[in-house]
């Protein structure tokens, strides 16, 4: 990677996340092998604009995508409003405060 001055740069964790998503997307597209893309905490180290663009791209593609965002990354109501028309199902995991285990 290079920075805005065209110098070599290690890149941020967010940039490496974008690179990883791109590589996985390219592998599924070029190989012709259909397999689901599973993304855990997709917004970690990525700014809001890129996070929204990633979701728009992935959920508008014809690929099967499983996304596991944390509440701080994408609230269930917001996700349903923005992407519900493209999702087969949305689930929210909630900790049971009464469960002592």
PDB file of N, CA and C in Angstrom:
ATOM      1  N   UNK A   1       0.837  -1.173   0.000  1.00  0.00           N
ATOM      2  CA  UNK A   1       0.000   0.000   0.000  1.00  0.00           C
ATOM      3  C   UNK A   1       0.882   1.236   0.000  1.00  0.00           C
ATOM      4  N   UNK A   2       0.296   2.292  -0.527  1.00  0.00           N
ATOM      5  CA  UNK A   2       1.006   3.567  -0.533  1.00  0.00           C
ATOM      6  C   UNK A   2       0.109   4.638   0.075  1.00  0.00           C
ATOM      7  N   UNK A   3       0.741   5.645   0.683  1.00  0.00           N
ATOM      8  CA  UNK A   3      -0.022   6.733   1.267  1.00  0.00           C
ATOM      9  C   UNK A   3      -0.324   7.798   0.215  1.00  0.00           C
ATOM     10  N   UNK A   4      -0.918   8.914   0.652  1.00  0.00           N
ATOM     11  CA  UNK A   4      -1.300   9.957  -0.310  1.00  0.00           C
ATOM     12  C   UNK A   4      -0.102  10.696  -0.891  1.00  0.00           C
ATOM     13  N   UNK A   5       1.109  10.430  -0.410  1.00  0.00           N
ATOM     14  CA  UNK A   5       2.334  11.009  -0.974  1.00  0.00           C
ATOM     15  C   UNK A   5       3.090   9.987  -1.814  1.00  0.00           C
ATOM     16  N   UNK A   6       2.404   8.872  -2.129  1.00  0.00           N
ATOM     17  CA  UNK A   6       2.945   7.802  -2.957  1.00  0.00           C
ATOM     18  C   UNK A   6       4.140   7.098  -2.311  1.00  0.00           C
ATOM     19  N   UNK A   7       4.187   7.117  -0.994  1.00  0.00           N
ATOM     20  CA  UNK A   7       5.243   6.433  -0.240  1.00  0.00           C
ATOM     21  C   UNK A   7       4.688   5.126   0.318  1.00  0.00           C
ATOM     22  N   UNK A   8       5.541   4.099   0.453  1.00  0.00           N
ATOM     23  CA  UNK A   8       5.075   2.838   1.049  1.00  0.00           C
ATOM     24  C   UNK A   8       4.503   3.070   2.451  1.00  0.00           C
ATOM     25  N   UNK A   9       3.423   2.334   2.754  1.00  0.00           N
ATOM     26  CA  UNK A   9       2.729   2.507   4.017  1.00  0.00           C
ATOM     27  C   UNK A   9       2.222   1.140   4.466  1.00  0.00           C
ATOM     28  N   UNK A  10       2.345   0.843   5.746  1.00  0.00           N
ATOM     29  CA  UNK A  10       1.875  -0.432   6.283  1.00  0.00           C
ATOM     30  C   UNK A  10       0.358  -0.550   6.214  1.00  0.00           C
ATOM     31  N   UNK A  11      -0.344   0.562   6.228  1.00  0.00           N
ATOM     32  CA  UNK A  11      -1.802   0.541   6.195  1.00  0.00           C
ATOM     33  C   UNK A  11      -2.381   0.347   7.574  1.00  0.00           C
ATOM     34  N   UNK A  12      -3.598   0.770   7.728  1.00  0.00           N
ATOM     35  CA  UNK A  12      -4.295   0.637   9.008  1.00  0.00           C
ATOM     36  C   UNK A  12      -5.022  -0.700   9.052  1.00  0.00           C
ATOM     37  N   UNK A  13      -5.466  -1.131  10.230  1.00  0.00           N
ATOM     38  CA  UNK A  13      -6.270  -2.357  10.296  1.00  0.00           C
ATOM     39  C   UNK A  13      -7.523  -2.271   9.422  1.00  0.00           C
ATOM     40  N   UNK A  14      -8.120  -1.088   9.348  1.00  0.00           N
ATOM     41  CA  UNK A  14      -9.290  -0.912   8.497  1.00  0.00           C
ATOM     42  C   UNK A  14      -8.968  -1.108   7.029  1.00  0.00           C
ATOM     43  N   UNK A  15      -7.820  -0.588   6.596  1.00  0.00           N
ATOM     44  CA  UNK A  15      -7.412  -0.761   5.202  1.00  0.00           C
ATOM     45  C   UNK A  15      -7.167  -2.234   4.897  1.00  0.00           C
ATOM     46  N   UNK A  16      -6.544  -2.941   5.831  1.00  0.00           N
ATOM     47  CA  UNK A  16      -6.293  -4.371   5.613  1.00  0.00           C
ATOM     48  C   UNK A  16      -7.595  -5.151   5.604  1.00  0.00           C
ATOM     49  N   UNK A  17      -8.592  -4.702   6.373  1.00  0.00           N
ATOM     50  CA  UNK A  17      -9.909  -5.327   6.317  1.00  0.00           C
ATOM     51  C   UNK A  17     -10.527  -5.181   4.936  1.00  0.00           C
ATOM     52  N   UNK A  18     -10.428  -3.973   4.372  1.00  0.00           N
ATOM     53  CA  UNK A  18     -10.947  -3.750   3.018  1.00  0.00           C
ATOM     54  C   UNK A  18     -10.222  -4.607   1.990  1.00  0.00           C
ATOM     55  N   UNK A  19      -8.913  -4.750   2.148  1.00  0.00           N
ATOM     56  CA  UNK A  19      -8.133  -5.603   1.243  1.00  0.00           C
ATOM     57  C   UNK A  19      -8.607  -7.055   1.360  1.00  0.00           C
ATOM     58  N   UNK A  20      -8.822  -7.518   2.588  1.00  0.00           N
ATOM     59  CA  UNK A  20      -9.270  -8.902   2.796  1.00  0.00           C
ATOM     60  C   UNK A  20     -10.633  -9.138   2.158  1.00  0.00           C
ATOM     61  N   UNK A  21     -11.585  -8.217   2.347  1.00  0.00           N
ATOM     62  CA  UNK A  21     -12.899  -8.362   1.721  1.00  0.00           C
ATOM     63  C   UNK A  21     -12.769  -8.402   0.202  1.00  0.00           C
ATOM     64  N   UNK A  22     -11.909  -7.559  -0.338  1.00  0.00           N
ATOM     65  CA  UNK A  22     -11.711  -7.505  -1.790  1.00  0.00           C
ATOM     66  C   UNK A  22     -11.147  -8.809  -2.325  1.00  0.00           C
ATOM     67  N   UNK A  23     -10.183  -9.362  -1.615  1.00  0.00           N
ATOM     68  CA  UNK A  23      -9.571 -10.620  -2.056  1.00  0.00           C
ATOM     69  C   UNK A  23     -10.589 -11.754  -2.017  1.00  0.00           C
ATOM     70  N   UNK A  24     -11.349 -11.850  -0.930  1.00  0.00           N
ATOM     71  CA  UNK A  24     -12.361 -12.902  -0.836  1.00  0.00           C
ATOM     72  C   UNK A  24     -13.423 -12.751  -1.925  1.00  0.00           C
ATOM     73  N   UNK A  25     -13.835 -11.533  -2.183  1.00  0.00           N
ATOM     74  CA  UNK A  25     -14.820 -11.288  -3.229  1.00  0.00           C
ATOM     75  C   UNK A  25     -14.252 -11.686  -4.588  1.00  0.00           C
ATOM     76  N   UNK A  26     -13.007 -11.327  -4.847  1.00  0.00           N
ATOM     77  CA  UNK A  26     -12.376 -11.669  -6.121  1.00  0.00           C
ATOM     78  C   UNK A  26     -12.228 -13.183  -6.281  1.00  0.00           C
ATOM     79  N   UNK A  27     -11.870 -13.871  -5.218  1.00  0.00           N
ATOM     80  CA  UNK A  27     -11.722 -15.332  -5.294  1.00  0.00           C
ATOM     81  C   UNK A  27     -13.034 -16.011  -5.636  1.00  0.00           C
ATOM     82  N   UNK A  28     -14.128 -15.582  -5.004  1.00  0.00           N
ATOM     83  CA  UNK A  28     -15.417 -16.200  -5.317  1.00  0.00           C
ATOM     84  C   UNK A  28     -15.853 -15.871  -6.736  1.00  0.00           C
ATOM     85  N   UNK A  29     -15.587 -14.665  -7.181  1.00  0.00           N
ATOM     86  CA  UNK A  29     -15.987 -14.255  -8.534  1.00  0.00           C
ATOM     87  C   UNK A  29     -15.163 -14.978  -9.593  1.00  0.00           C
ATOM     88  N   UNK A  30     -13.846 -15.006  -9.435  1.00  0.00           N
ATOM     89  CA  UNK A  30     -12.956 -15.579 -10.456  1.00  0.00           C
ATOM     90  C   UNK A  30     -12.967 -17.103 -10.485  1.00  0.00           C
ATOM     91  N   UNK A  31     -13.175 -17.729  -9.334  1.00  0.00           N
ATOM     92  CA  UNK A  31     -13.123 -19.187  -9.276  1.00  0.00           C
ATOM     93  C   UNK A  31     -14.394 -19.829  -9.809  1.00  0.00           C
ATOM     94  N   UNK A  32     -15.485 -19.097  -9.750  1.00  0.00           N
ATOM     95  CA  UNK A  32     -16.757 -19.682 -10.159  1.00  0.00           C
ATOM     96  C   UNK A  32     -17.327 -20.627  -9.123  1.00  0.00           C
ATOM     97  N   UNK A  33     -16.641 -20.762  -7.999  1.00  0.00           N
ATOM     98  CA  UNK A  33     -17.108 -21.626  -6.919  1.00  0.00           C
ATOM     99  C   UNK A  33     -17.937 -20.784  -5.958  1.00  0.00           C
ATOM    100  N   UNK A  34     -19.166 -21.185  -5.763  1.00  0.00           N
ATOM    101  CA  UNK A  34     -20.055 -20.451  -4.860  1.00  0.00           C
ATOM    102  C   UNK A  34     -19.808 -20.910  -3.430  1.00  0.00           C
ATOM    103  N   UNK A  35     -19.415 -19.991  -2.586  1.00  0.00           N
ATOM    104  CA  UNK A  35     -19.348 -20.282  -1.160  1.00  0.00           C
ATOM    105  C   UNK A  35     -19.676 -19.003  -0.416  1.00  0.00           C
ATOM    106  N   UNK A  36     -20.289 -19.133   0.753  1.00  0.00           N
ATOM    107  CA  UNK A  36     -20.715 -17.935   1.477  1.00  0.00           C
ATOM    108  C   UNK A  36     -19.531 -17.155   2.033  1.00  0.00           C
ATOM    109  N   UNK A  37     -19.722 -15.870   2.109  1.00  0.00           N
ATOM    110  CA  UNK A  37     -18.740 -14.977   2.704  1.00  0.00           C
ATOM    111  C   UNK A  37     -19.220 -14.694   4.120  1.00  0.00           C
ATOM    112  N   UNK A  38     -18.404 -15.011   5.110  1.00  0.00           N
ATOM    113  CA  UNK A  38     -18.761 -14.806   6.514  1.00  0.00           C
ATOM    114  C   UNK A  38     -17.875 -13.697   7.062  1.00  0.00           C
ATOM    115  N   UNK A  39     -18.517 -12.647   7.584  1.00  0.00           N
ATOM    116  CA  UNK A  39     -17.770 -11.498   8.080  1.00  0.00           C
ATOM    117  C   UNK A  39     -18.184 -11.217   9.515  1.00  0.00           C
ATOM    118  N   UNK A  40     -17.230 -11.322  10.425  1.00  0.00           N
ATOM    119  CA  UNK A  40     -17.455 -11.046  11.838  1.00  0.00           C
ATOM    120  C   UNK A  40     -16.924  -9.647  12.143  1.00  0.00           C
ATOM    121  N   UNK A  41     -17.693  -8.854  12.847  1.00  0.00           N
ATOM    122  CA  UNK A  41     -17.373  -7.462  13.195  1.00  0.00           C
ATOM    123  C   UNK A  41     -16.788  -6.702  12.008  1.00  0.00           C
ATOM    124  N   UNK A  42     -17.618  -6.507  10.962  1.00  0.00           N
ATOM    125  CA  UNK A  42     -17.125  -5.892   9.731  1.00  0.00           C
ATOM    126  C   UNK A  42     -16.709  -4.433   9.872  1.00  0.00           C
ATOM    127  N   UNK A  43     -17.201  -3.751  10.868  1.00  0.00           N
ATOM    128  CA  UNK A  43     -16.883  -2.336  10.989  1.00  0.00           C
ATOM    129  C   UNK A  43     -15.684  -2.019  11.848  1.00  0.00           C
ATOM    130  N   UNK A  44     -15.017  -3.040  12.325  1.00  0.00           N
ATOM    131  CA  UNK A  44     -13.852  -2.812  13.169  1.00  0.00           C
ATOM    132  C   UNK A  44     -12.780  -2.067  12.387  1.00  0.00           C
ATOM    133  N   UNK A  45     -12.406  -0.923  12.881  1.00  0.00           N
ATOM    134  CA  UNK A  45     -11.330  -0.103  12.300  1.00  0.00           C
ATOM    135  C   UNK A  45     -11.661   0.485  10.930  1.00  0.00           C
ATOM    136  N   UNK A  46     -12.947   0.525  10.561  1.00  0.00           N
ATOM    137  CA  UNK A  46     -13.336   1.110   9.281  1.00  0.00           C
ATOM    138  C   UNK A  46     -14.271   2.285   9.570  1.00  0.00           C
ATOM    139  N   UNK A  47     -14.038   3.400   8.893  1.00  0.00           N
ATOM    140  CA  UNK A  47     -14.897   4.561   9.136  1.00  0.00           C
ATOM    141  C   UNK A  47     -16.312   4.306   8.614  1.00  0.00           C
ATOM    142  N   UNK A  48     -17.265   5.118   9.048  1.00  0.00           N
ATOM    143  CA  UNK A  48     -18.681   4.911   8.726  1.00  0.00           C
ATOM    144  C   UNK A  48     -18.968   4.908   7.229  1.00  0.00           C
ATOM    145  N   UNK A  49     -18.320   5.782   6.485  1.00  0.00           N
ATOM    146  CA  UNK A  49     -18.577   5.852   5.047  1.00  0.00           C
ATOM    147  C   UNK A  49     -18.178   4.554   4.345  1.00  0.00           C
ATOM    148  N   UNK A  50     -16.988   4.044   4.634  1.00  0.00           N
ATOM    149  CA  UNK A  50     -16.543   2.799   4.006  1.00  0.00           C
ATOM    150  C   UNK A  50     -17.363   1.612   4.509  1.00  0.00           C
ATOM    151  N   UNK A  51     -17.728   1.640   5.776  1.00  0.00           N
ATOM    152  CA  UNK A  51     -18.551   0.573   6.346  1.00  0.00           C
ATOM    153  C   UNK A  51     -19.882   0.486   5.599  1.00  0.00           C
ATOM    154  N   UNK A  52     -20.532   1.621   5.362  1.00  0.00           N
ATOM    155  CA  UNK A  52     -21.806   1.652   4.650  1.00  0.00           C
ATOM    156  C   UNK A  52     -21.623   1.150   3.216  1.00  0.00           C
ATOM    157  N   UNK A  53     -20.539   1.568   2.570  1.00  0.00           N
ATOM    158  CA  UNK A  53     -20.283   1.143   1.193  1.00  0.00           C
ATOM    159  C   UNK A  53     -20.035  -0.360   1.103  1.00  0.00           C
ATOM    160  N   UNK A  54     -19.336  -0.924   2.093  1.00  0.00           N
ATOM    161  CA  UNK A  54     -19.096  -2.372   2.122  1.00  0.00           C
ATOM    162  C   UNK A  54     -20.424  -3.107   2.201  1.00  0.00           C
ATOM    163  N   UNK A  55     -21.276  -2.677   3.132  1.00  0.00           N
ATOM    164  CA  UNK A  55     -22.578  -3.325   3.275  1.00  0.00           C
ATOM    165  C   UNK A  55     -23.394  -3.202   1.993  1.00  0.00           C
ATOM    166  N   UNK A  56     -23.439  -2.018   1.407  1.00  0.00           N
ATOM    167  CA  UNK A  56     -24.200  -1.827   0.182  1.00  0.00           C
ATOM    168  C   UNK A  56     -23.692  -2.754  -0.921  1.00  0.00           C
ATOM    169  N   UNK A  57     -22.378  -2.821  -1.082  1.00  0.00           N
ATOM    170  CA  UNK A  57     -21.803  -3.669  -2.132  1.00  0.00           C
ATOM    171  C   UNK A  57     -22.113  -5.144  -1.883  1.00  0.00           C
ATOM    172  N   UNK A  58     -21.816  -5.626  -0.690  1.00  0.00           N
ATOM    173  CA  UNK A  58     -21.993  -7.040  -0.395  1.00  0.00           C
ATOM    174  C   UNK A  58     -23.458  -7.466  -0.457  1.00  0.00           C
ATOM    175  N   UNK A  59     -24.337  -6.645   0.095  1.00  0.00           N
ATOM    176  CA  UNK A  59     -25.736  -7.034   0.140  1.00  0.00           C
ATOM    177  C   UNK A  59     -26.473  -6.793  -1.172  1.00  0.00           C
ATOM    178  N   UNK A  60     -25.889  -6.022  -2.070  1.00  0.00           N
ATOM    179  CA  UNK A  60     -26.488  -5.856  -3.387  1.00  0.00           C
ATOM    180  C   UNK A  60     -25.908  -6.860  -4.390  1.00  0.00           C
ATOM    181  N   UNK A  61     -24.873  -7.594  -3.989  1.00  0.00           N
ATOM    182  CA  UNK A  61     -24.303  -8.610  -4.880  1.00  0.00           C
ATOM    183  C   UNK A  61     -25.188  -9.855  -4.832  1.00  0.00           C
ATOM    184  N   UNK A  62     -24.909 -10.798  -5.683  1.00  0.00           N
ATOM    185  CA  UNK A  62     -25.667 -12.046  -5.699  1.00  0.00           C
ATOM    186  C   UNK A  62     -25.016 -13.112  -4.833  1.00  0.00           C
ATOM    187  N   UNK A  63     -24.059 -12.719  -4.024  1.00  0.00           N
ATOM    188  CA  UNK A  63     -23.348 -13.674  -3.178  1.00  0.00           C
ATOM    189  C   UNK A  63     -24.117 -13.914  -1.871  1.00  0.00           C
ATOM    190  N   UNK A  64     -23.907 -15.090  -1.308  1.00  0.00           N
ATOM    191  CA  UNK A  64     -24.481 -15.373   0.010  1.00  0.00           C
ATOM    192  C   UNK A  64     -23.518 -14.811   1.051  1.00  0.00           C
ATOM    193  N   UNK A  65     -24.001 -13.913   1.883  1.00  0.00           N
ATOM    194  CA  UNK A  65     -23.167 -13.223   2.847  1.00  0.00           C
ATOM    195  C   UNK A  65     -23.784 -13.358   4.237  1.00  0.00           C
ATOM    196  N   UNK A  66     -22.972 -13.773   5.193  1.00  0.00           N
ATOM    197  CA  UNK A  66     -23.371 -13.796   6.597  1.00  0.00           C
ATOM    198  C   UNK A  66     -22.565 -12.715   7.292  1.00  0.00           C
ATOM    199  N   UNK A  67     -23.260 -11.765   7.890  1.00  0.00           N
ATOM    200  CA  UNK A  67     -22.598 -10.642   8.538  1.00  0.00           C
ATOM    201  C   UNK A  67     -22.962 -10.661  10.015  1.00  0.00           C
ATOM    202  N   UNK A  68     -21.950 -10.541  10.873  1.00  0.00           N
ATOM    203  CA  UNK A  68     -22.149 -10.538  12.315  1.00  0.00           C
ATOM    204  C   UNK A  68     -21.621  -9.233  12.913  1.00  0.00           C
ATOM    205  N   UNK A  69     -22.372  -8.136  12.725  1.00  0.00           N
ATOM    206  CA  UNK A  69     -21.911  -6.858  13.284  1.00  0.00           C
ATOM    207  C   UNK A  69     -22.250  -6.760  14.768  1.00  0.00           C
ATOM    208  N   UNK A  70     -21.444  -6.011  15.487  1.00  0.00           N
ATOM    209  CA  UNK A  70     -21.758  -5.687  16.875  1.00  0.00           C
ATOM    210  C   UNK A  70     -22.771  -4.548  16.851  1.00  0.00           C
ATOM    211  N   UNK A  71     -23.483  -4.365  17.963  1.00  0.00           N
ATOM    212  CA  UNK A  71     -24.486  -3.315  18.043  1.00  0.00           C
ATOM    213  C   UNK A  71     -23.946  -1.935  17.746  1.00  0.00           C
ATOM    214  N   UNK A  72     -22.706  -1.684  18.122  1.00  0.00           N
ATOM    215  CA  UNK A  72     -22.121  -0.370  17.861  1.00  0.00           C
ATOM    216  C   UNK A  72     -21.805  -0.175  16.376  1.00  0.00           C
ATOM    217  N   UNK A  73     -21.697  -1.269  15.625  1.00  0.00           N
ATOM    218  CA  UNK A  73     -21.402  -1.176  14.197  1.00  0.00           C
ATOM    219  C   UNK A  73     -22.677  -0.975  13.376  1.00  0.00           C
ATOM    220  N   UNK A  74     -23.716  -1.715  13.725  1.00  0.00           N
ATOM    221  CA  UNK A  74     -24.963  -1.636  12.978  1.00  0.00           C
ATOM    222  C   UNK A  74     -26.102  -2.090  13.881  1.00  0.00           C
ATOM    223  N   UNK A  75     -26.928  -1.160  14.286  1.00  0.00           N
ATOM    224  CA  UNK A  75     -28.078  -1.489  15.122  1.00  0.00           C
ATOM    225  C   UNK A  75     -29.092  -2.273  14.292  1.00  0.00           C
ATOM    226  N   UNK A  76     -29.777  -3.258  14.898  1.00  0.00           N
ATOM    227  CA  UNK A  76     -30.711  -4.100  14.127  1.00  0.00           C
ATOM    228  C   UNK A  76     -31.778  -3.303  13.374  1.00  0.00           C
ATOM    229  N   UNK A  77     -32.371  -2.302  14.007  1.00  0.00           N
ATOM    230  CA  UNK A  77     -33.417  -1.526  13.334  1.00  0.00           C
ATOM    231  C   UNK A  77     -32.865  -0.769  12.133  1.00  0.00           C
ATOM    232  N   UNK A  78     -31.676  -0.223  12.272  1.00  0.00           N
ATOM    233  CA  UNK A  78     -31.046   0.510  11.168  1.00  0.00           C
ATOM    234  C   UNK A  78     -30.703  -0.460  10.041  1.00  0.00           C
ATOM    235  N   UNK A  79     -30.145  -1.613  10.398  1.00  0.00           N
ATOM    236  CA  UNK A  79     -29.807  -2.617   9.390  1.00  0.00           C
ATOM    237  C   UNK A  79     -31.027  -3.099   8.632  1.00  0.00           C
ATOM    238  N   UNK A  80     -32.131  -3.333   9.358  1.00  0.00           N
ATOM    239  CA  UNK A  80     -33.354  -3.766   8.695  1.00  0.00           C
ATOM    240  C   UNK A  80     -33.874  -2.693   7.749  1.00  0.00           C
ATOM    241  N   UNK A  81     -33.822  -1.445   8.184  1.00  0.00           N
ATOM    242  CA  UNK A  81     -34.322  -0.344   7.358  1.00  0.00           C
ATOM    243  C   UNK A  81     -33.493  -0.199   6.073  1.00  0.00           C
ATOM    244  N   UNK A  82     -32.164  -0.250   6.220  1.00  0.00           N
ATOM    245  CA  UNK A  82     -31.277  -0.046   5.072  1.00  0.00           C
ATOM    246  C   UNK A  82     -31.153  -1.265   4.168  1.00  0.00           C
ATOM    247  N   UNK A  83     -31.112  -2.465   4.762  1.00  0.00           N
ATOM    248  CA  UNK A  83     -30.760  -3.656   3.995  1.00  0.00           C
ATOM    249  C   UNK A  83     -31.774  -4.788   4.097  1.00  0.00           C
ATOM    250  N   UNK A  84     -32.855  -4.589   4.833  1.00  0.00           N
ATOM    251  CA  UNK A  84     -33.842  -5.650   5.053  1.00  0.00           C
ATOM    252  C   UNK A  84     -34.423  -6.218   3.777  1.00  0.00           C
ATOM    253  N   UNK A  85     -34.555  -5.391   2.750  1.00  0.00           N
ATOM    254  CA  UNK A  85     -35.116  -5.855   1.477  1.00  0.00           C
ATOM    255  C   UNK A  85     -34.211  -6.860   0.774  1.00  0.00           C
ATOM    256  N   UNK A  86     -32.936  -6.949   1.190  1.00  0.00           N
ATOM    257  CA  UNK A  86     -31.987  -7.878   0.568  1.00  0.00           C
ATOM    258  C   UNK A  86     -31.623  -9.044   1.490  1.00  0.00           C
ATOM    259  N   UNK A  87     -32.163  -9.056   2.700  1.00  0.00           N
ATOM    260  CA  UNK A  87     -31.787 -10.077   3.685  1.00  0.00           C
ATOM    261  C   UNK A  87     -32.863 -11.146   3.798  1.00  0.00           C
ATOM    262  N   UNK A  88     -32.426 -12.392   3.908  1.00  0.00           N
ATOM    263  CA  UNK A  88     -33.362 -13.484   4.121  1.00  0.00           C
ATOM    264  C   UNK A  88     -33.867 -13.459   5.562  1.00  0.00           C
ATOM    265  N   UNK A  89     -33.004 -13.112   6.482  1.00  0.00           N
ATOM    266  CA  UNK A  89     -33.384 -13.076   7.895  1.00  0.00           C
ATOM    267  C   UNK A  89     -32.419 -12.191   8.661  1.00  0.00           C
ATOM    268  N   UNK A  90     -32.930 -11.607   9.718  1.00  0.00           N
ATOM    269  CA  UNK A  90     -32.111 -10.812  10.622  1.00  0.00           C
ATOM    270  C   UNK A  90     -32.339 -11.344  12.028  1.00  0.00           C
ATOM    271  N   UNK A  91     -31.278 -11.570  12.758  1.00  0.00           N
ATOM    272  CA  UNK A  91     -31.365 -12.053  14.127  1.00  0.00           C
ATOM    273  C   UNK A  91     -30.597 -11.112  15.036  1.00  0.00           C
ATOM    274  N   UNK A  92     -31.075 -10.980  16.242  1.00  0.00           N
ATOM    275  CA  UNK A  92     -30.366 -10.174  17.230  1.00  0.00           C
ATOM    276  C   UNK A  92     -30.116 -11.042  18.454  1.00  0.00           C
ATOM    277  N   UNK A  93     -28.866 -11.154  18.840  1.00  0.00           N
ATOM    278  CA  UNK A  93     -28.509 -11.891  20.046  1.00  0.00           C
ATOM    279  C   UNK A  93     -28.482 -10.920  21.217  1.00  0.00           C
ATOM    280  N   UNK A  94     -29.181 -11.273  22.275  1.00  0.00           N
ATOM    281  CA  UNK A  94     -29.266 -10.407  23.445  1.00  0.00           C
ATOM    282  C   UNK A  94     -28.914 -11.240  24.667  1.00  0.00           C
ATOM    283  N   UNK A  95     -28.066 -10.692  25.506  1.00  0.00           N
ATOM    284  CA  UNK A  95     -27.682 -11.392  26.737  1.00  0.00           C
ATOM    285  C   UNK A  95     -28.839 -11.352  27.716  1.00  0.00           C
ATOM    286  N   UNK A  96     -29.135 -12.508  28.288  1.00  0.00           N
ATOM    287  CA  UNK A  96     -30.169 -12.608  29.311  1.00  0.00           C
ATOM    288  C   UNK A  96     -29.540 -12.242  30.651  1.00  0.00           C
ATOM    289  N   UNK A  97     -29.885 -11.084  31.162  1.00  0.00           N
ATOM    290  CA  UNK A  97     -29.299 -10.598  32.415  1.00  0.00           C
ATOM    291  C   UNK A  97     -29.688 -11.455  33.613  1.00  0.00           C
ATOM    292  N   UNK A  98     -30.810 -12.216  33.497  1.00  0.00           N
ATOM    293  CA  UNK A  98     -31.267 -13.066  34.595  1.00  0.00           C
ATOM    294  C   UNK A  98     -30.553 -14.405  34.633  1.00  0.00           C
ATOM    295  N   UNK A  99     -29.811 -14.738  33.579  1.00  0.00           N
ATOM    296  CA  UNK A  99     -29.118 -16.026  33.502  1.00  0.00           C
ATOM    297  C   UNK A  99     -27.817 -15.928  34.296  1.00  0.00           C
ATOM    298  N   UNK A 100     -27.700 -16.700  35.343  1.00  0.00           N
ATOM    299  CA  UNK A 100     -26.518 -16.663  36.204  1.00  0.00           C
ATOM    300  C   UNK A 100     -25.347 -17.426  35.611  1.00  0.00           C
ATOM    301  N   UNK A 101     -25.557 -18.208  34.552  1.00  0.00           N
ATOM    302  CA  UNK A 101     -24.506 -19.056  33.980  1.00  0.00           C
ATOM    303  C   UNK A 101     -23.690 -18.346  33.032  1.00  0.00           C
TER     304      UNK A 101
END
